[in-house]
N, C-alpha and C. Protein backbone atom coordinates (compact mmCIF):
# COMPACT_ATOMS: atom_id res chain seq x y z
N UNK A 1 -39.19 13.36 0.41
CA UNK A 1 -37.91 13.03 -0.19
C UNK A 1 -37.03 14.29 -0.22
N UNK A 2 -35.76 14.09 -0.11
CA UNK A 2 -34.83 15.22 -0.08
C UNK A 2 -34.64 15.80 -1.47
N UNK A 3 -34.56 17.12 -1.55
CA UNK A 3 -34.43 17.76 -2.85
C UNK A 3 -32.99 17.78 -3.34
N UNK A 4 -32.03 17.66 -2.44
CA UNK A 4 -30.62 17.73 -2.82
C UNK A 4 -30.08 16.34 -3.11
N UNK A 5 -29.36 16.22 -4.21
CA UNK A 5 -28.71 14.96 -4.52
C UNK A 5 -27.24 15.09 -4.14
N UNK A 6 -26.78 14.15 -3.35
CA UNK A 6 -25.41 14.14 -2.88
C UNK A 6 -24.56 13.25 -3.79
N UNK A 7 -23.37 13.70 -4.09
CA UNK A 7 -22.36 12.85 -4.72
C UNK A 7 -21.33 12.56 -3.64
N UNK A 8 -21.16 11.30 -3.31
CA UNK A 8 -20.27 10.90 -2.23
C UNK A 8 -19.09 10.13 -2.82
N UNK A 9 -17.89 10.64 -2.57
CA UNK A 9 -16.67 9.98 -3.02
C UNK A 9 -16.00 9.37 -1.80
N UNK A 10 -15.78 8.06 -1.86
CA UNK A 10 -15.26 7.38 -0.69
C UNK A 10 -14.49 6.12 -1.07
N UNK A 11 -14.01 5.43 -0.05
CA UNK A 11 -13.37 4.12 -0.21
C UNK A 11 -14.01 3.18 0.80
N UNK A 12 -14.05 1.89 0.51
CA UNK A 12 -14.72 0.96 1.41
C UNK A 12 -14.03 0.78 2.76
N UNK A 13 -12.74 1.07 2.84
CA UNK A 13 -12.01 0.87 4.11
C UNK A 13 -11.97 2.11 4.98
N UNK A 14 -12.67 3.16 4.58
CA UNK A 14 -12.69 4.44 5.32
C UNK A 14 -13.85 4.42 6.33
N UNK A 15 -13.54 4.44 7.64
CA UNK A 15 -14.61 4.41 8.66
C UNK A 15 -15.58 5.59 8.55
N UNK A 16 -15.06 6.79 8.29
CA UNK A 16 -15.93 7.96 8.17
C UNK A 16 -16.85 7.83 6.96
N UNK A 17 -16.34 7.22 5.88
CA UNK A 17 -17.15 7.01 4.68
C UNK A 17 -18.32 6.08 5.00
N UNK A 18 -18.03 5.00 5.70
CA UNK A 18 -19.07 4.04 6.05
C UNK A 18 -20.10 4.65 6.99
N UNK A 19 -19.65 5.51 7.92
CA UNK A 19 -20.57 6.20 8.82
C UNK A 19 -21.49 7.14 8.02
N UNK A 20 -20.90 7.86 7.07
CA UNK A 20 -21.69 8.78 6.25
C UNK A 20 -22.74 8.02 5.44
N UNK A 21 -22.34 6.95 4.79
CA UNK A 21 -23.28 6.19 3.96
C UNK A 21 -24.42 5.62 4.82
N UNK A 22 -24.09 5.13 6.00
CA UNK A 22 -25.13 4.63 6.91
C UNK A 22 -26.08 5.76 7.31
N UNK A 23 -25.53 6.93 7.59
CA UNK A 23 -26.34 8.09 7.96
C UNK A 23 -27.27 8.50 6.82
N UNK A 24 -26.72 8.58 5.61
CA UNK A 24 -27.53 8.97 4.45
C UNK A 24 -28.64 7.95 4.18
N UNK A 25 -28.33 6.66 4.35
CA UNK A 25 -29.36 5.63 4.18
C UNK A 25 -30.46 5.77 5.24
N UNK A 26 -30.05 6.02 6.47
CA UNK A 26 -31.01 6.19 7.56
C UNK A 26 -31.95 7.37 7.28
N UNK A 27 -31.38 8.43 6.72
CA UNK A 27 -32.17 9.64 6.43
C UNK A 27 -32.88 9.57 5.08
N UNK A 28 -32.69 8.45 4.37
CA UNK A 28 -33.29 8.26 3.04
C UNK A 28 -32.89 9.37 2.08
N UNK A 29 -31.64 9.76 2.15
CA UNK A 29 -31.12 10.83 1.30
C UNK A 29 -30.95 10.34 -0.14
N UNK A 30 -31.06 11.25 -1.05
CA UNK A 30 -30.86 10.97 -2.46
C UNK A 30 -29.37 11.17 -2.75
N UNK A 31 -28.64 10.08 -2.94
CA UNK A 31 -27.20 10.20 -3.16
C UNK A 31 -26.70 9.13 -4.11
N UNK A 32 -25.53 9.41 -4.67
CA UNK A 32 -24.80 8.44 -5.47
C UNK A 32 -23.42 8.33 -4.85
N UNK A 33 -22.98 7.10 -4.61
CA UNK A 33 -21.69 6.86 -3.99
C UNK A 33 -20.71 6.36 -5.04
N UNK A 34 -19.48 6.89 -4.99
CA UNK A 34 -18.42 6.49 -5.91
C UNK A 34 -17.23 5.97 -5.12
N UNK A 35 -16.78 4.78 -5.46
CA UNK A 35 -15.59 4.18 -4.84
C UNK A 35 -14.38 4.66 -5.65
N UNK A 36 -13.62 5.58 -5.08
CA UNK A 36 -12.50 6.17 -5.83
C UNK A 36 -11.33 5.22 -6.02
N UNK A 37 -11.37 4.07 -5.35
CA UNK A 37 -10.34 3.05 -5.58
C UNK A 37 -10.64 2.23 -6.83
N UNK A 38 -11.91 2.11 -7.19
CA UNK A 38 -12.31 1.27 -8.32
C UNK A 38 -12.80 2.06 -9.53
N UNK A 39 -13.22 3.30 -9.32
CA UNK A 39 -13.81 4.11 -10.39
C UNK A 39 -12.81 5.22 -10.78
N UNK A 40 -12.11 5.01 -11.89
CA UNK A 40 -11.09 5.97 -12.32
C UNK A 40 -11.67 7.34 -12.66
N UNK A 41 -12.85 7.37 -13.24
CA UNK A 41 -13.48 8.65 -13.57
C UNK A 41 -13.78 9.43 -12.30
N UNK A 42 -14.32 8.76 -11.30
CA UNK A 42 -14.62 9.42 -10.02
C UNK A 42 -13.33 9.89 -9.36
N UNK A 43 -12.29 9.08 -9.42
CA UNK A 43 -11.01 9.47 -8.82
C UNK A 43 -10.47 10.74 -9.49
N UNK A 44 -10.56 10.81 -10.82
CA UNK A 44 -10.10 12.02 -11.53
C UNK A 44 -10.91 13.24 -11.11
N UNK A 45 -12.21 13.06 -10.92
CA UNK A 45 -13.06 14.18 -10.48
C UNK A 45 -12.64 14.67 -9.10
N UNK A 46 -12.34 13.74 -8.19
CA UNK A 46 -11.90 14.09 -6.84
C UNK A 46 -10.54 14.78 -6.89
N UNK A 47 -9.66 14.33 -7.74
CA UNK A 47 -8.35 14.96 -7.88
C UNK A 47 -8.51 16.42 -8.29
N UNK A 48 -9.46 16.70 -9.17
CA UNK A 48 -9.74 18.08 -9.58
C UNK A 48 -10.26 18.89 -8.39
N UNK A 49 -11.11 18.29 -7.58
CA UNK A 49 -11.70 18.99 -6.43
C UNK A 49 -10.62 19.29 -5.39
N UNK A 50 -9.80 18.28 -5.08
CA UNK A 50 -8.83 18.39 -3.98
C UNK A 50 -7.53 19.04 -4.44
N UNK A 51 -7.15 18.82 -5.69
CA UNK A 51 -5.92 19.41 -6.21
C UNK A 51 -4.71 18.52 -6.08
N UNK A 52 -4.90 17.26 -5.66
CA UNK A 52 -3.79 16.32 -5.56
C UNK A 52 -4.33 14.91 -5.74
N UNK A 53 -3.46 13.99 -6.12
CA UNK A 53 -3.91 12.60 -6.27
C UNK A 53 -3.67 11.78 -5.00
N UNK A 54 -3.14 12.40 -3.97
CA UNK A 54 -2.87 11.71 -2.71
C UNK A 54 -4.02 11.96 -1.73
N UNK A 55 -5.22 11.59 -2.15
CA UNK A 55 -6.45 11.93 -1.43
C UNK A 55 -6.53 11.25 -0.06
N UNK A 56 -6.23 9.96 -0.02
CA UNK A 56 -6.40 9.20 1.22
C UNK A 56 -5.54 9.75 2.36
N UNK A 57 -4.33 10.18 2.04
CA UNK A 57 -3.44 10.65 3.11
C UNK A 57 -3.83 12.03 3.64
N UNK A 58 -4.69 12.73 2.94
CA UNK A 58 -5.11 14.06 3.37
C UNK A 58 -6.20 14.03 4.43
N UNK A 59 -6.73 12.85 4.69
CA UNK A 59 -7.80 12.69 5.68
C UNK A 59 -9.00 13.56 5.33
N UNK A 60 -9.32 13.64 4.05
CA UNK A 60 -10.46 14.43 3.60
C UNK A 60 -11.67 13.57 3.27
N UNK A 61 -11.51 12.26 3.29
CA UNK A 61 -12.62 11.38 2.93
C UNK A 61 -13.61 11.27 4.07
N UNK A 62 -14.86 11.12 3.78
CA UNK A 62 -15.46 11.16 2.46
C UNK A 62 -15.54 12.60 1.94
N UNK A 63 -15.64 12.71 0.63
CA UNK A 63 -15.83 14.00 0.00
C UNK A 63 -17.25 14.01 -0.54
N UNK A 64 -18.02 15.02 -0.14
CA UNK A 64 -19.43 15.10 -0.53
C UNK A 64 -19.63 16.36 -1.36
N UNK A 65 -20.24 16.20 -2.52
CA UNK A 65 -20.55 17.33 -3.39
C UNK A 65 -22.06 17.47 -3.45
N UNK A 66 -22.53 18.67 -3.11
CA UNK A 66 -23.96 19.00 -3.16
C UNK A 66 -24.07 20.28 -3.98
N UNK A 67 -24.47 20.15 -5.21
CA UNK A 67 -24.50 21.32 -6.10
C UNK A 67 -23.08 21.81 -6.30
N UNK A 68 -22.82 23.06 -5.92
CA UNK A 68 -21.47 23.61 -6.05
C UNK A 68 -20.72 23.63 -4.71
N UNK A 69 -21.30 23.03 -3.69
CA UNK A 69 -20.70 22.97 -2.35
C UNK A 69 -19.94 21.65 -2.19
N UNK A 70 -18.74 21.74 -1.61
CA UNK A 70 -17.93 20.55 -1.34
C UNK A 70 -17.68 20.46 0.16
N UNK A 71 -17.98 19.29 0.72
CA UNK A 71 -17.76 19.03 2.15
C UNK A 71 -16.73 17.92 2.29
N UNK A 72 -15.83 18.08 3.23
CA UNK A 72 -14.80 17.08 3.49
C UNK A 72 -15.05 16.43 4.84
N UNK A 73 -14.93 15.10 4.88
CA UNK A 73 -15.15 14.38 6.12
C UNK A 73 -16.63 14.19 6.38
N UNK A 74 -16.94 13.63 7.53
CA UNK A 74 -18.33 13.40 7.91
C UNK A 74 -18.66 14.21 9.15
N UNK A 75 -19.44 15.26 8.95
CA UNK A 75 -19.95 16.09 10.04
C UNK A 75 -21.47 16.03 9.94
N UNK A 76 -22.08 15.29 10.86
CA UNK A 76 -23.52 15.04 10.80
C UNK A 76 -24.33 16.33 10.76
N UNK A 77 -23.96 17.32 11.56
CA UNK A 77 -24.68 18.60 11.56
C UNK A 77 -24.60 19.30 10.21
N UNK A 78 -23.39 19.31 9.63
CA UNK A 78 -23.20 19.99 8.35
C UNK A 78 -23.98 19.28 7.25
N UNK A 79 -23.89 17.96 7.19
CA UNK A 79 -24.63 17.20 6.19
C UNK A 79 -26.12 17.39 6.39
N UNK A 80 -26.56 17.40 7.63
CA UNK A 80 -27.98 17.57 7.95
C UNK A 80 -28.57 18.85 7.41
N UNK A 81 -27.78 19.90 7.28
CA UNK A 81 -28.25 21.18 6.73
C UNK A 81 -28.77 21.01 5.31
N UNK A 82 -28.25 20.04 4.59
CA UNK A 82 -28.61 19.87 3.19
C UNK A 82 -29.67 18.80 2.98
N UNK A 83 -30.16 18.22 4.03
CA UNK A 83 -31.18 17.18 3.91
C UNK A 83 -32.60 17.72 3.87
N UNK A 84 -32.78 18.99 4.17
CA UNK A 84 -34.14 19.54 4.26
C UNK A 84 -34.45 20.44 3.10
């Protein structure tokens, strides 16, 4: 099992978000996913991370938090570094 727990902030209509979630499921990663369109608390947390409330237009989704590291978008190689 993976030692790192991922916090994934996404929206259901985001293709990169869906790709990331499928990848994490395939790798059996330990993660929690937050829909920032439906979860106001998660949206406020993302606004603090990004610095604006216009998250979707910034093309930063999905936003992945691993400890104190924040990753924007879905980069399989970068995410893979934290799976081991």
